[in-house]
C-alpha cells in the first residue's frame, strides 16, 4: 500500500467521488515517481512528467490497480490521454 493509505474498494457505501479519486491518484503518482511535491491535474499527461516513460507507465498502472483494488484492461489504459481520463475510468469501474 502507498504512503500508509487505505485502498478504495468496490461495492462499499464509501464509494469515492471524483475529487477523492484525483487525491488518491496524486498520492499514487508521487509514490511511483518518487516525488512528494509532484502535482497532477486532469490535463496532466506523460509528456509533462519527465520520468513518465514506458516502464514507469507499467509501474503506474499496477500501482493504480492496487490502490483502487481493480483491474484495468490494456485496451482501456492504451486509450487514456491524461490523468482526468484515468480518473473517470477508475470512477466508472468502481461504480460497477
Protein backbone atom coordinates (compact mmCIF):
# COMPACT_ATOMS: atom_id res chain seq x y z
CA UNK A 1 0.00 0.00 0.00
CA UNK A 2 1.20 3.52 -0.74
CA UNK A 3 2.04 6.04 1.97
CA UNK A 4 0.02 4.04 4.50
CA UNK A 5 -3.26 4.97 2.81
CA UNK A 6 -6.23 2.64 2.69
CA UNK A 7 -7.34 1.31 -0.67
CA UNK A 8 -10.69 2.06 -2.22
CA UNK A 9 -12.94 -0.96 -2.55
CA UNK A 10 -15.83 -1.51 -4.90
CA UNK A 11 -19.28 -2.17 -3.61
CA UNK A 12 -18.92 -0.35 -0.30
CA UNK A 13 -21.05 2.52 0.84
CA UNK A 14 -17.99 4.75 0.91
CA UNK A 15 -17.57 4.93 -2.86
CA UNK A 16 -15.03 7.62 -3.72
CA UNK A 17 -16.12 10.75 -5.52
CA UNK A 18 -14.10 12.25 -8.39
CA UNK A 19 -12.11 14.64 -6.13
CA UNK A 20 -11.24 11.69 -3.87
CA UNK A 21 -10.05 9.72 -6.88
CA UNK A 22 -7.86 12.64 -8.01
CA UNK A 23 -6.42 12.98 -4.49
CA UNK A 24 -5.60 9.28 -4.40
CA UNK A 25 -4.09 9.44 -7.88
CA UNK A 26 -1.84 12.30 -6.73
CA UNK A 27 -0.51 10.06 -3.95
CA UNK A 28 -0.01 7.16 -6.37
CA UNK A 29 1.85 9.41 -8.83
CA UNK A 30 4.03 10.85 -6.06
CA UNK A 31 4.91 7.34 -4.91
CA UNK A 32 5.59 5.90 -8.38
CA UNK A 33 7.69 8.88 -9.46
CA UNK A 34 9.29 9.23 -6.01
CA UNK A 35 8.41 12.94 -5.80
CA UNK A 36 6.37 14.11 -2.81
CA UNK A 37 5.91 17.51 -4.48
CA UNK A 38 4.59 16.22 -7.82
CA UNK A 39 1.24 17.83 -8.57
CA UNK A 40 -1.13 16.47 -11.17
CA UNK A 41 -4.30 17.81 -12.73
CA UNK A 42 -6.93 16.46 -15.08
CA UNK A 43 -4.85 17.55 -18.05
CA UNK A 44 -1.54 16.09 -16.89
CA UNK A 45 -0.13 13.68 -19.48
CA UNK A 46 3.01 11.60 -19.88
CA UNK A 47 4.59 14.45 -21.85
CA UNK A 48 4.53 16.67 -18.76
CA UNK A 49 6.24 14.29 -16.31
CA UNK A 50 9.91 13.78 -17.20
CA UNK A 51 10.18 10.35 -15.61
CA UNK A 52 6.97 9.02 -17.20
CA UNK A 53 8.28 6.52 -19.73
CA UNK A 54 7.01 3.12 -20.86
CA UNK A 55 8.47 1.28 -17.86
CA UNK A 56 7.14 3.74 -15.30
CA UNK A 57 3.79 3.64 -17.10
CA UNK A 58 3.51 -0.07 -16.34
CA UNK A 59 4.50 0.57 -12.73
CA UNK A 60 1.92 3.36 -12.54
CA UNK A 61 -0.90 1.18 -13.88
CA UNK A 62 -0.04 -1.59 -11.42
CA UNK A 63 0.04 0.92 -8.53
CA UNK A 64 -3.33 2.36 -9.60
CA UNK A 65 -4.84 -1.13 -9.75
CA UNK A 66 -3.56 -1.85 -6.24
CA UNK A 67 -4.61 1.49 -4.79
CA UNK A 68 -8.15 1.25 -6.15
CA UNK A 69 -8.49 -2.54 -5.88
CA UNK A 70 -9.40 -3.02 -9.53
CA UNK A 71 -8.04 -4.47 -12.74
CA UNK A 72 -7.69 -2.30 -15.84
CA UNK A 73 -7.65 -3.70 -19.36
CA UNK A 74 -4.64 -2.90 -21.54
CA UNK A 75 -7.00 -1.60 -24.23
CA UNK A 76 -8.58 0.83 -21.73
CA UNK A 77 -5.23 2.08 -20.48
CA UNK A 78 -3.87 2.44 -24.01
CA UNK A 79 -6.63 4.89 -24.92
CA UNK A 80 -6.09 7.24 -21.97
CA UNK A 81 -4.74 10.67 -22.90
CA UNK A 82 -4.40 12.28 -19.46
CA UNK A 83 -4.96 11.89 -15.73
CA UNK A 84 -8.56 13.14 -15.94
CA UNK A 85 -9.46 10.31 -18.31
CA UNK A 86 -7.76 7.87 -15.94
CA UNK A 87 -9.77 9.24 -13.00
CA UNK A 88 -13.04 8.92 -14.95
CA UNK A 89 -12.19 5.36 -15.96
CA UNK A 90 -11.46 4.47 -12.34
CA UNK A 91 -14.73 6.07 -11.23
CA UNK A 92 -16.66 4.14 -13.89
CA UNK A 93 -15.00 0.87 -12.92
CA UNK A 94 -15.59 1.41 -9.20
CA UNK A 95 -19.27 2.18 -9.82
CA UNK A 96 -19.86 -1.24 -11.40
